[in-house]
Amino acid sequence: MASNMLVTTGDSFEGYGITEYLGFVSSQAILGSNFISGIAANVTDVARKDTAKLEQCREDAEEQLIKAAKKKGANAIIG
């Protein structure tokens, strides 16, 4: 994902100061409805296919989070 948005789970960025808090942002990503049944059906495949699905889901959620923050005029997401 190409973005100039600074993102951290910490409470600051070294070398940067917080000048304004713009509020809370959140995002969600949804896995296909057959994801859980797929795990139960073939545990061996979980390590391969489903790990990639989970990573894609995480990336989608992060992308939505960045869009929501930009919509508020933010240049970083902290915490």
N, C-alpha and C. Protein backbone atom coordinates (compact mmCIF):
# COMPACT_ATOMS: atom_id res chain seq x y z
N MET A 1 0.85 -1.17 0.00
CA MET A 1 0.00 0.00 0.00
C MET A 1 0.89 1.23 0.00
N ALA A 2 0.75 2.08 -0.99
CA ALA A 2 1.53 3.31 -1.07
C ALA A 2 0.76 4.44 -0.42
N SER A 3 1.34 4.97 0.67
CA SER A 3 0.67 6.04 1.39
C SER A 3 1.69 6.86 2.14
N ASN A 4 1.45 8.16 2.23
CA ASN A 4 2.34 8.99 3.01
C ASN A 4 1.81 9.18 4.43
N MET A 5 0.83 8.40 4.82
CA MET A 5 0.24 8.45 6.16
C MET A 5 1.16 7.73 7.14
N LEU A 6 1.51 8.40 8.23
CA LEU A 6 2.27 7.76 9.29
C LEU A 6 1.29 6.97 10.16
N VAL A 7 1.60 5.71 10.44
CA VAL A 7 0.71 4.86 11.22
C VAL A 7 1.54 4.15 12.28
N THR A 8 1.08 4.20 13.54
CA THR A 8 1.74 3.49 14.61
C THR A 8 0.73 3.02 15.66
N THR A 9 1.09 1.97 16.36
CA THR A 9 0.28 1.53 17.50
C THR A 9 0.78 2.19 18.78
N GLY A 10 1.89 2.94 18.67
CA GLY A 10 2.44 3.64 19.82
C GLY A 10 1.71 4.94 20.09
N ASP A 11 2.30 5.78 20.96
CA ASP A 11 1.64 7.03 21.33
C ASP A 11 2.35 8.27 20.77
N SER A 12 3.35 8.08 19.90
CA SER A 12 4.05 9.22 19.30
C SER A 12 4.91 8.74 18.13
N PHE A 13 5.46 9.71 17.40
CA PHE A 13 6.44 9.44 16.35
C PHE A 13 7.70 10.24 16.69
N GLU A 14 8.82 9.57 16.75
CA GLU A 14 10.09 10.24 17.02
C GLU A 14 10.32 11.35 15.99
N GLY A 15 10.62 12.54 16.48
CA GLY A 15 10.91 13.66 15.59
C GLY A 15 9.68 14.45 15.15
N TYR A 16 8.50 14.04 15.56
CA TYR A 16 7.27 14.73 15.19
C TYR A 16 6.53 15.14 16.46
N GLY A 17 5.80 16.23 16.38
CA GLY A 17 4.95 16.66 17.49
C GLY A 17 3.49 16.61 17.09
N ILE A 18 2.64 16.31 18.04
CA ILE A 18 1.20 16.30 17.79
C ILE A 18 0.68 17.71 18.00
N THR A 19 0.07 18.28 16.96
CA THR A 19 -0.44 19.65 17.07
C THR A 19 -1.95 19.68 17.28
N GLU A 20 -2.62 18.61 16.88
CA GLU A 20 -4.08 18.56 17.03
C GLU A 20 -4.56 17.12 16.95
N TYR A 21 -5.51 16.80 17.81
CA TYR A 21 -6.17 15.50 17.74
C TYR A 21 -7.47 15.68 16.98
N LEU A 22 -7.68 14.85 15.98
CA LEU A 22 -8.86 14.99 15.12
C LEU A 22 -9.95 13.98 15.44
N GLY A 23 -9.75 13.16 16.44
CA GLY A 23 -10.76 12.20 16.83
C GLY A 23 -10.41 10.78 16.46
N PHE A 24 -11.32 9.91 16.79
CA PHE A 24 -11.15 8.47 16.62
C PHE A 24 -11.51 8.05 15.20
N VAL A 25 -10.73 7.15 14.63
CA VAL A 25 -11.08 6.52 13.35
C VAL A 25 -11.01 5.01 13.54
N SER A 26 -11.82 4.30 12.79
CA SER A 26 -11.80 2.83 12.83
C SER A 26 -12.16 2.30 11.46
N SER A 27 -11.93 1.01 11.28
CA SER A 27 -12.28 0.38 10.01
C SER A 27 -12.60 -1.09 10.27
N GLN A 28 -13.19 -1.71 9.26
CA GLN A 28 -13.53 -3.12 9.34
C GLN A 28 -13.27 -3.76 7.99
N ALA A 29 -12.98 -5.03 8.02
CA ALA A 29 -12.87 -5.81 6.79
C ALA A 29 -13.59 -7.13 7.04
N ILE A 30 -14.22 -7.65 6.02
CA ILE A 30 -15.04 -8.85 6.17
C ILE A 30 -14.45 -9.99 5.36
N LEU A 31 -14.31 -11.13 6.00
CA LEU A 31 -13.89 -12.34 5.31
C LEU A 31 -15.13 -12.99 4.69
N GLY A 32 -14.94 -13.78 3.67
CA GLY A 32 -16.06 -14.48 3.04
C GLY A 32 -16.79 -15.36 4.03
N SER A 33 -18.05 -15.59 3.79
CA SER A 33 -18.88 -16.37 4.72
C SER A 33 -18.43 -17.81 4.85
N ASN A 34 -17.69 -18.32 3.88
CA ASN A 34 -17.23 -19.71 3.97
C ASN A 34 -15.84 -19.83 4.57
N PHE A 35 -15.30 -18.75 5.10
CA PHE A 35 -13.95 -18.78 5.65
C PHE A 35 -13.84 -19.77 6.81
N ILE A 36 -14.74 -19.69 7.78
CA ILE A 36 -14.68 -20.56 8.95
C ILE A 36 -14.93 -22.01 8.56
N SER A 37 -15.91 -22.26 7.69
CA SER A 37 -16.17 -23.64 7.28
C SER A 37 -14.99 -24.20 6.49
N GLY A 38 -14.30 -23.33 5.76
CA GLY A 38 -13.11 -23.76 5.03
C GLY A 38 -12.00 -24.19 5.97
N ILE A 39 -11.86 -23.49 7.10
CA ILE A 39 -10.85 -23.88 8.09
C ILE A 39 -11.18 -25.25 8.65
N ALA A 40 -12.43 -25.47 8.99
CA ALA A 40 -12.84 -26.75 9.58
C ALA A 40 -12.69 -27.89 8.58
N ALA A 41 -12.91 -27.62 7.32
CA ALA A 41 -12.89 -28.67 6.30
C ALA A 41 -11.49 -29.22 6.05
N ASN A 42 -10.49 -28.36 6.07
CA ASN A 42 -9.14 -28.82 5.73
C ASN A 42 -8.10 -28.01 6.48
N VAL A 43 -7.72 -28.48 7.64
CA VAL A 43 -6.79 -27.76 8.51
C VAL A 43 -5.43 -27.55 7.84
N THR A 44 -5.00 -28.45 6.99
CA THR A 44 -3.71 -28.34 6.34
C THR A 44 -3.62 -27.10 5.46
N ASP A 45 -4.71 -26.75 4.79
CA ASP A 45 -4.71 -25.60 3.90
C ASP A 45 -4.69 -24.27 4.64
N VAL A 46 -5.02 -24.26 5.93
CA VAL A 46 -5.07 -23.01 6.69
C VAL A 46 -3.76 -22.27 6.61
N ALA A 47 -2.66 -22.98 6.78
CA ALA A 47 -1.34 -22.35 6.79
C ALA A 47 -1.00 -21.69 5.46
N ARG A 48 -1.60 -22.12 4.39
CA ARG A 48 -1.28 -21.55 3.08
C ARG A 48 -2.32 -20.55 2.62
N LYS A 49 -3.48 -21.03 2.18
CA LYS A 49 -4.49 -20.16 1.56
C LYS A 49 -5.09 -19.18 2.56
N ASP A 50 -5.49 -19.66 3.72
CA ASP A 50 -6.22 -18.81 4.65
C ASP A 50 -5.33 -17.76 5.30
N THR A 51 -4.05 -18.04 5.44
CA THR A 51 -3.13 -17.03 5.94
C THR A 51 -3.08 -15.85 4.97
N ALA A 52 -3.06 -16.13 3.69
CA ALA A 52 -3.07 -15.07 2.68
C ALA A 52 -4.38 -14.28 2.74
N LYS A 53 -5.49 -14.96 2.98
CA LYS A 53 -6.78 -14.27 3.10
C LYS A 53 -6.79 -13.34 4.30
N LEU A 54 -6.25 -13.81 5.42
CA LEU A 54 -6.18 -12.98 6.63
C LEU A 54 -5.29 -11.76 6.40
N GLU A 55 -4.18 -11.93 5.73
CA GLU A 55 -3.28 -10.81 5.45
C GLU A 55 -3.96 -9.80 4.54
N GLN A 56 -4.68 -10.27 3.52
CA GLN A 56 -5.40 -9.37 2.64
C GLN A 56 -6.47 -8.60 3.41
N CYS A 57 -7.14 -9.29 4.32
CA CYS A 57 -8.17 -8.67 5.14
C CYS A 57 -7.56 -7.56 6.01
N ARG A 58 -6.40 -7.83 6.61
CA ARG A 58 -5.72 -6.84 7.43
C ARG A 58 -5.31 -5.62 6.60
N GLU A 59 -4.79 -5.87 5.41
CA GLU A 59 -4.40 -4.78 4.51
C GLU A 59 -5.61 -3.94 4.11
N ASP A 60 -6.73 -4.58 3.83
CA ASP A 60 -7.95 -3.86 3.47
C ASP A 60 -8.42 -2.97 4.62
N ALA A 61 -8.37 -3.51 5.84
CA ALA A 61 -8.79 -2.74 7.02
C ALA A 61 -7.86 -1.54 7.23
N GLU A 62 -6.56 -1.73 7.06
CA GLU A 62 -5.62 -0.63 7.21
C GLU A 62 -5.84 0.45 6.15
N GLU A 63 -6.10 0.03 4.93
CA GLU A 63 -6.38 0.98 3.84
C GLU A 63 -7.63 1.81 4.15
N GLN A 64 -8.67 1.16 4.66
CA GLN A 64 -9.89 1.88 5.03
C GLN A 64 -9.63 2.83 6.20
N LEU A 65 -8.79 2.43 7.14
CA LEU A 65 -8.44 3.27 8.28
C LEU A 65 -7.73 4.53 7.81
N ILE A 66 -6.81 4.38 6.90
CA ILE A 66 -6.07 5.52 6.35
C ILE A 66 -7.02 6.45 5.60
N LYS A 67 -7.92 5.90 4.82
CA LYS A 67 -8.90 6.74 4.10
C LYS A 67 -9.76 7.54 5.08
N ALA A 68 -10.19 6.89 6.16
CA ALA A 68 -11.03 7.56 7.16
C ALA A 68 -10.25 8.69 7.84
N ALA A 69 -8.97 8.46 8.12
CA ALA A 69 -8.15 9.49 8.75
C ALA A 69 -7.91 10.66 7.80
N LYS A 70 -7.63 10.37 6.54
CA LYS A 70 -7.42 11.43 5.55
C LYS A 70 -8.68 12.26 5.38
N LYS A 71 -9.82 11.61 5.44
CA LYS A 71 -11.11 12.32 5.31
C LYS A 71 -11.27 13.37 6.42
N LYS A 72 -10.69 13.10 7.59
CA LYS A 72 -10.73 14.04 8.70
C LYS A 72 -9.61 15.09 8.61
N GLY A 73 -8.72 14.94 7.63
CA GLY A 73 -7.63 15.88 7.46
C GLY A 73 -6.36 15.49 8.21
N ALA A 74 -6.27 14.25 8.64
CA ALA A 74 -5.13 13.80 9.41
C ALA A 74 -3.93 13.47 8.51
N ASN A 75 -2.73 13.55 9.09
CA ASN A 75 -1.54 13.13 8.38
C ASN A 75 -0.83 12.00 9.12
N ALA A 76 -1.46 11.50 10.20
CA ALA A 76 -0.91 10.37 10.97
C ALA A 76 -2.03 9.70 11.74
N ILE A 77 -1.80 8.42 12.04
CA ILE A 77 -2.70 7.65 12.90
C ILE A 77 -1.85 7.14 14.05
N ILE A 78 -2.25 7.51 15.26
CA ILE A 78 -1.46 7.18 16.44
C ILE A 78 -2.31 6.36 17.39
N GLY A 79 -1.75 5.24 17.86
CA GLY A 79 -2.42 4.41 18.85
C GLY A 79 -3.35 3.45 18.21
